[in-house]
Amino acid sequence: MATKKTKKKTGSKSKKKITRSNTAPVDDTMPEPFDPEYDVEPPDDNDFISNVKLDDGEQEVWWKKLGGGSFTLKQWNEVSQKYKSQIIKPKQTFKAKPSEIPKAFRDVVVPLEPLPDELEKEIPGLAPTSYEVIENTDEPGSFDIINVSTRKALNAKPLSKAKAEAILSGLQ
């Protein structure tokens, strides 16, 4: 009579019983009561103000997205104190503050209402540049147009006096 041989399972995993001896020690002690001597000082009011975006009172304006493609608008949510992203599709109208629309996109995203006058002002600190016509020292009878503030020539090649004066009148 033939006896049937049984194979031993070699790939079985032995389960280890979790006991207190093979785990990390548990600290059952109660935490110490609050000690005001080691209390951390509260942050200054200025630190808190710098972390919170203050409402500048800017009014929202209706805008329309022209052309193809989409535009991602990030708007500040006062309730959750986070930015919320909104995808604007072509020909969609939406409300946003003028400061939320970058000036580079103003040709594709156009306002449907007049913008407040504050955004139309010139940037403070930039004075208009002034130019003057000066005779070129290297070539007699030729002239350069010079920026007064930087003292650099505007033209690459020397010009005749008539051409230099015509260009200067167009600049001013």
C-alpha atoms as a PDB file:
ATOM      1  CA  MET A   1       0.000   0.000   0.000  1.00  0.00           C
ATOM      2  CA  ALA A   2       1.302   3.382  -0.982  1.00  0.00           C
ATOM      3  CA  THR A   3       1.401   6.072   1.583  1.00  0.00           C
ATOM      4  CA  LYS A   4       0.558   9.649   0.633  1.00  0.00           C
ATOM      5  CA  LYS A   5       3.271  12.145   1.424  1.00  0.00           C
ATOM      6  CA  THR A   6       2.195  15.562   2.592  1.00  0.00           C
ATOM      7  CA  LYS A   7       4.218  18.664   1.886  1.00  0.00           C
ATOM      8  CA  LYS A   8       5.136  21.026   4.628  1.00  0.00           C
ATOM      9  CA  LYS A   9       4.201  24.608   4.050  1.00  0.00           C
ATOM     10  CA  THR A  10       7.405  26.594   4.123  1.00  0.00           C
ATOM     11  CA  GLY A  11       6.037  30.034   3.199  1.00  0.00           C
ATOM     12  CA  SER A  12       3.617  30.460   6.045  1.00  0.00           C
ATOM     13  CA  LYS A  13       4.073  33.479   8.255  1.00  0.00           C
ATOM     14  CA  SER A  14       4.049  33.050  11.944  1.00  0.00           C
ATOM     15  CA  LYS A  15       1.985  35.610  13.762  1.00  0.00           C
ATOM     16  CA  LYS A  16       3.689  37.117  16.731  1.00  0.00           C
ATOM     17  CA  LYS A  17       1.521  37.685  19.707  1.00  0.00           C
ATOM     18  CA  ILE A  18       1.652  41.305  20.907  1.00  0.00           C
ATOM     19  CA  THR A  19       2.441  41.478  24.557  1.00  0.00           C
ATOM     20  CA  ARG A  20       3.697  44.156  26.898  1.00  0.00           C
ATOM     21  CA  SER A  21       7.203  42.774  26.657  1.00  0.00           C
ATOM     22  CA  ASN A  22       7.653  43.431  22.907  1.00  0.00           C
ATOM     23  CA  THR A  23       6.009  46.898  22.687  1.00  0.00           C
ATOM     24  CA  ALA A  24       7.284  50.329  23.627  1.00  0.00           C
ATOM     25  CA  PRO A  25       6.820  51.249  27.266  1.00  0.00           C
ATOM     26  CA  VAL A  26       3.664  53.206  27.986  1.00  0.00           C
ATOM     27  CA  ASP A  27       3.854  56.266  30.215  1.00  0.00           C
ATOM     28  CA  ASP A  28       0.811  56.055  32.476  1.00  0.00           C
ATOM     29  CA  THR A  29       1.711  59.093  34.532  1.00  0.00           C
ATOM     30  CA  MET A  30      -0.454  62.198  34.426  1.00  0.00           C
ATOM     31  CA  PRO A  31       0.977  65.342  32.800  1.00  0.00           C
ATOM     32  CA  GLU A  32       2.222  68.002  35.152  1.00  0.00           C
ATOM     33  CA  PRO A  33      -0.144  70.843  35.925  1.00  0.00           C
ATOM     34  CA  PHE A  34       0.292  74.167  34.104  1.00  0.00           C
ATOM     35  CA  ASP A  35       3.224  76.130  35.476  1.00  0.00           C
ATOM     36  CA  PRO A  36       3.040  79.884  34.732  1.00  0.00           C
ATOM     37  CA  GLU A  37       6.788  80.207  35.297  1.00  0.00           C
ATOM     38  CA  TYR A  38       7.466  78.292  32.077  1.00  0.00           C
ATOM     39  CA  ASP A  39       4.598  79.804  30.124  1.00  0.00           C
ATOM     40  CA  VAL A  40       5.392  80.983  26.615  1.00  0.00           C
ATOM     41  CA  GLU A  41       4.599  84.643  26.007  1.00  0.00           C
ATOM     42  CA  PRO A  42       1.726  85.340  23.612  1.00  0.00           C
ATOM     43  CA  PRO A  43       2.727  86.766  20.220  1.00  0.00           C
ATOM     44  CA  ASP A  44       2.712  90.503  19.669  1.00  0.00           C
ATOM     45  CA  ASP A  45      -0.344  92.085  18.092  1.00  0.00           C
ATOM     46  CA  ASN A  46       1.832  93.086  15.121  1.00  0.00           C
ATOM     47  CA  ASP A  47       2.662  89.430  14.391  1.00  0.00           C
ATOM     48  CA  PHE A  48      -1.023  88.552  14.370  1.00  0.00           C
ATOM     49  CA  ILE A  49      -1.874  91.416  12.037  1.00  0.00           C
ATOM     50  CA  SER A  50       0.849  90.436   9.571  1.00  0.00           C
ATOM     51  CA  ASN A  51      -0.565  86.897   9.302  1.00  0.00           C
ATOM     52  CA  VAL A  52      -4.156  87.997   8.647  1.00  0.00           C
ATOM     53  CA  LYS A  53      -5.060  89.667   5.373  1.00  0.00           C
ATOM     54  CA  LEU A  54      -6.965  92.851   6.105  1.00  0.00           C
ATOM     55  CA  ASP A  55      -9.872  93.965   3.962  1.00  0.00           C
ATOM     56  CA  ASP A  56      -8.794  97.024   2.007  1.00  0.00           C
ATOM     57  CA  GLY A  57     -12.360  97.981   1.070  1.00  0.00           C
ATOM     58  CA  GLU A  58     -11.838  97.330  -2.634  1.00  0.00           C
ATOM     59  CA  GLN A  59     -15.076  96.826  -4.580  1.00  0.00           C
ATOM     60  CA  GLU A  60     -15.697  93.845  -6.813  1.00  0.00           C
ATOM     61  CA  VAL A  61     -16.236  94.524 -10.516  1.00  0.00           C
ATOM     62  CA  TRP A  62     -17.854  92.387 -13.219  1.00  0.00           C
ATOM     63  CA  TRP A  63     -15.314  90.887 -15.677  1.00  0.00           C
ATOM     64  CA  LYS A  64     -15.568  88.816 -18.865  1.00  0.00           C
ATOM     65  CA  LYS A  65     -13.048  86.268 -20.150  1.00  0.00           C
ATOM     66  CA  LEU A  66     -12.406  86.612 -23.899  1.00  0.00           C
ATOM     67  CA  GLY A  67     -10.519  84.310 -26.254  1.00  0.00           C
ATOM     68  CA  GLY A  68      -9.735  80.631 -25.827  1.00  0.00           C
ATOM     69  CA  GLY A  69      -8.327  78.723 -22.908  1.00  0.00           C
ATOM     70  CA  SER A  70      -9.147  79.030 -19.252  1.00  0.00           C
ATOM     71  CA  PHE A  71      -7.998  81.394 -16.532  1.00  0.00           C
ATOM     72  CA  THR A  72      -7.459  80.386 -12.891  1.00  0.00           C
ATOM     73  CA  LEU A  73      -8.606  83.055 -10.478  1.00  0.00           C
ATOM     74  CA  LYS A  74      -7.424  82.916  -6.870  1.00  0.00           C
ATOM     75  CA  GLN A  75      -9.744  84.727  -4.484  1.00  0.00           C
ATOM     76  CA  TRP A  76      -9.227  85.311  -0.757  1.00  0.00           C
ATOM     77  CA  ASN A  77     -11.946  83.768   1.391  1.00  0.00           C
ATOM     78  CA  GLU A  78     -12.450  85.811   4.573  1.00  0.00           C
ATOM     79  CA  VAL A  79     -14.313  83.046   6.397  1.00  0.00           C
ATOM     80  CA  SER A  80     -11.795  80.224   5.988  1.00  0.00           C
ATOM     81  CA  GLN A  81      -8.755  82.553   5.752  1.00  0.00           C
ATOM     82  CA  LYS A  82      -7.522  80.688   2.641  1.00  0.00           C
ATOM     83  CA  TYR A  83      -7.268  81.275  -1.087  1.00  0.00           C
ATOM     84  CA  LYS A  84      -9.968  79.681  -3.239  1.00  0.00           C
ATOM     85  CA  SER A  85      -9.169  78.787  -6.858  1.00  0.00           C
ATOM     86  CA  GLN A  86     -11.843  79.258  -9.481  1.00  0.00           C
ATOM     87  CA  ILE A  87     -11.444  78.241 -13.138  1.00  0.00           C
ATOM     88  CA  ILE A  88     -12.861  80.839 -15.540  1.00  0.00           C
ATOM     89  CA  LYS A  89     -13.831  79.482 -18.955  1.00  0.00           C
ATOM     90  CA  PRO A  90     -14.079  81.457 -22.235  1.00  0.00           C
ATOM     91  CA  LYS A  91     -16.962  83.953 -22.500  1.00  0.00           C
ATOM     92  CA  GLN A  92     -17.743  83.549 -18.790  1.00  0.00           C
ATOM     93  CA  THR A  93     -18.621  86.608 -16.700  1.00  0.00           C
ATOM     94  CA  PHE A  94     -17.584  86.760 -13.053  1.00  0.00           C
ATOM     95  CA  LYS A  95     -17.082  89.184 -10.188  1.00  0.00           C
ATOM     96  CA  ALA A  96     -13.606  89.910  -8.826  1.00  0.00           C
ATOM     97  CA  LYS A  97     -11.603  92.715  -7.280  1.00  0.00           C
ATOM     98  CA  PRO A  98      -9.303  94.553  -9.718  1.00  0.00           C
ATOM     99  CA  SER A  99      -6.270  93.592  -7.615  1.00  0.00           C
ATOM    100  CA  GLU A 100      -7.053  89.888  -8.181  1.00  0.00           C
ATOM    101  CA  ILE A 101      -6.710  90.190 -11.971  1.00  0.00           C
ATOM    102  CA  PRO A 102      -3.060  90.549 -13.071  1.00  0.00           C
ATOM    103  CA  LYS A 103      -2.414  93.440 -15.440  1.00  0.00           C
ATOM    104  CA  ALA A 104      -0.800  91.024 -17.910  1.00  0.00           C
ATOM    105  CA  PHE A 105      -4.199  89.370 -18.452  1.00  0.00           C
ATOM    106  CA  ARG A 106      -6.221  92.574 -18.894  1.00  0.00           C
ATOM    107  CA  ASP A 107      -6.310  92.054 -22.685  1.00  0.00           C
ATOM    108  CA  VAL A 108      -8.012  88.649 -22.246  1.00  0.00           C
ATOM    109  CA  VAL A 109      -9.983  89.401 -19.071  1.00  0.00           C
ATOM    110  CA  VAL A 110     -11.768  92.728 -19.586  1.00  0.00           C
ATOM    111  CA  PRO A 111     -13.864  94.696 -17.085  1.00  0.00           C
ATOM    112  CA  LEU A 112     -17.548  95.182 -17.904  1.00  0.00           C
ATOM    113  CA  GLU A 113     -17.769  98.150 -15.501  1.00  0.00           C
ATOM    114  CA  PRO A 114     -15.481 101.156 -15.181  1.00  0.00           C
ATOM    115  CA  LEU A 115     -12.566 100.486 -12.840  1.00  0.00           C
ATOM    116  CA  PRO A 116     -12.002 102.640  -9.763  1.00  0.00           C
ATOM    117  CA  ASP A 117      -9.754 105.649 -10.382  1.00  0.00           C
ATOM    118  CA  GLU A 118      -7.150 104.414  -7.906  1.00  0.00           C
ATOM    119  CA  LEU A 119      -5.861 101.772 -10.327  1.00  0.00           C
ATOM    120  CA  GLU A 120      -5.550 104.216 -13.207  1.00  0.00           C
ATOM    121  CA  LYS A 121      -3.044 106.438 -11.373  1.00  0.00           C
ATOM    122  CA  GLU A 122       0.634 106.511 -12.307  1.00  0.00           C
ATOM    123  CA  ILE A 123       3.120 104.656 -10.160  1.00  0.00           C
ATOM    124  CA  PRO A 124       4.519 107.069  -7.567  1.00  0.00           C
ATOM    125  CA  GLY A 125       8.233 107.715  -7.637  1.00  0.00           C
ATOM    126  CA  LEU A 126       8.630 107.444 -11.417  1.00  0.00           C
ATOM    127  CA  ALA A 127       9.368 110.843 -12.836  1.00  0.00           C
ATOM    128  CA  PRO A 128       8.954 111.408 -16.554  1.00  0.00           C
ATOM    129  CA  THR A 129      12.298 111.186 -18.322  1.00  0.00           C
ATOM    130  CA  SER A 130      13.711 114.188 -20.100  1.00  0.00           C
ATOM    131  CA  TYR A 131      16.046 114.171 -23.087  1.00  0.00           C
ATOM    132  CA  GLU A 132      18.324 116.733 -24.699  1.00  0.00           C
ATOM    133  CA  VAL A 133      20.282 116.995 -27.939  1.00  0.00           C
ATOM    134  CA  ILE A 134      24.073 117.204 -27.494  1.00  0.00           C
ATOM    135  CA  GLU A 135      26.770 117.396 -30.143  1.00  0.00           C
ATOM    136  CA  ASN A 136      28.756 114.183 -30.572  1.00  0.00           C
ATOM    137  CA  THR A 137      32.416 114.668 -29.596  1.00  0.00           C
ATOM    138  CA  ASP A 138      33.692 111.847 -31.859  1.00  0.00           C
ATOM    139  CA  GLU A 139      32.131 113.106 -35.087  1.00  0.00           C
ATOM    140  CA  PRO A 140      31.788 116.881 -35.534  1.00  0.00           C
ATOM    141  CA  GLY A 141      28.480 117.989 -37.035  1.00  0.00           C
ATOM    142  CA  SER A 142      26.581 114.945 -35.681  1.00  0.00           C
ATOM    143  CA  PHE A 143      24.343 114.885 -32.618  1.00  0.00           C
ATOM    144  CA  ASP A 144      23.098 112.428 -29.951  1.00  0.00           C
ATOM    145  CA  ILE A 145      19.883 112.369 -27.944  1.00  0.00           C
ATOM    146  CA  ILE A 146      20.884 111.963 -24.267  1.00  0.00           C
ATOM    147  CA  ASN A 147      18.729 110.888 -21.312  1.00  0.00           C
ATOM    148  CA  VAL A 148      19.315 113.615 -18.716  1.00  0.00           C
ATOM    149  CA  SER A 149      19.002 111.396 -15.635  1.00  0.00           C
ATOM    150  CA  THR A 150      21.203 108.480 -16.834  1.00  0.00           C
ATOM    151  CA  ARG A 151      23.441 110.447 -19.244  1.00  0.00           C
ATOM    152  CA  LYS A 152      23.178 107.630 -21.819  1.00  0.00           C
ATOM    153  CA  ALA A 153      22.620 108.100 -25.541  1.00  0.00           C
ATOM    154  CA  LEU A 154      19.212 107.075 -26.867  1.00  0.00           C
ATOM    155  CA  ASN A 155      20.407 106.614 -30.436  1.00  0.00           C
ATOM    156  CA  ALA A 156      22.920 103.989 -31.600  1.00  0.00           C
ATOM    157  CA  LYS A 157      24.417 106.020 -34.465  1.00  0.00           C
ATOM    158  CA  PRO A 158      25.080 109.775 -34.527  1.00  0.00           C
ATOM    159  CA  LEU A 159      22.264 111.823 -36.121  1.00  0.00           C
ATOM    160  CA  SER A 160      22.057 115.090 -37.990  1.00  0.00           C
ATOM    161  CA  LYS A 161      20.753 118.023 -35.964  1.00  0.00           C
ATOM    162  CA  ALA A 162      17.422 118.111 -37.867  1.00  0.00           C
ATOM    163  CA  LYS A 163      16.754 114.367 -37.300  1.00  0.00           C
ATOM    164  CA  ALA A 164      17.749 114.569 -33.621  1.00  0.00           C
ATOM    165  CA  GLU A 165      15.425 117.538 -33.016  1.00  0.00           C
ATOM    166  CA  ALA A 166      12.553 115.778 -34.845  1.00  0.00           C
ATOM    167  CA  ILE A 167      12.946 112.661 -32.692  1.00  0.00           C
ATOM    168  CA  LEU A 168      13.239 114.785 -29.536  1.00  0.00           C
ATOM    169  CA  SER A 169       9.990 116.619 -30.338  1.00  0.00           C
ATOM    170  CA  GLY A 170       8.273 113.234 -30.776  1.00  0.00           C
ATOM    171  CA  LEU A 171       9.517 112.078 -27.350  1.00  0.00           C
ATOM    172  CA  GLN A 172       8.151 115.100 -25.486  1.00  0.00           C
END
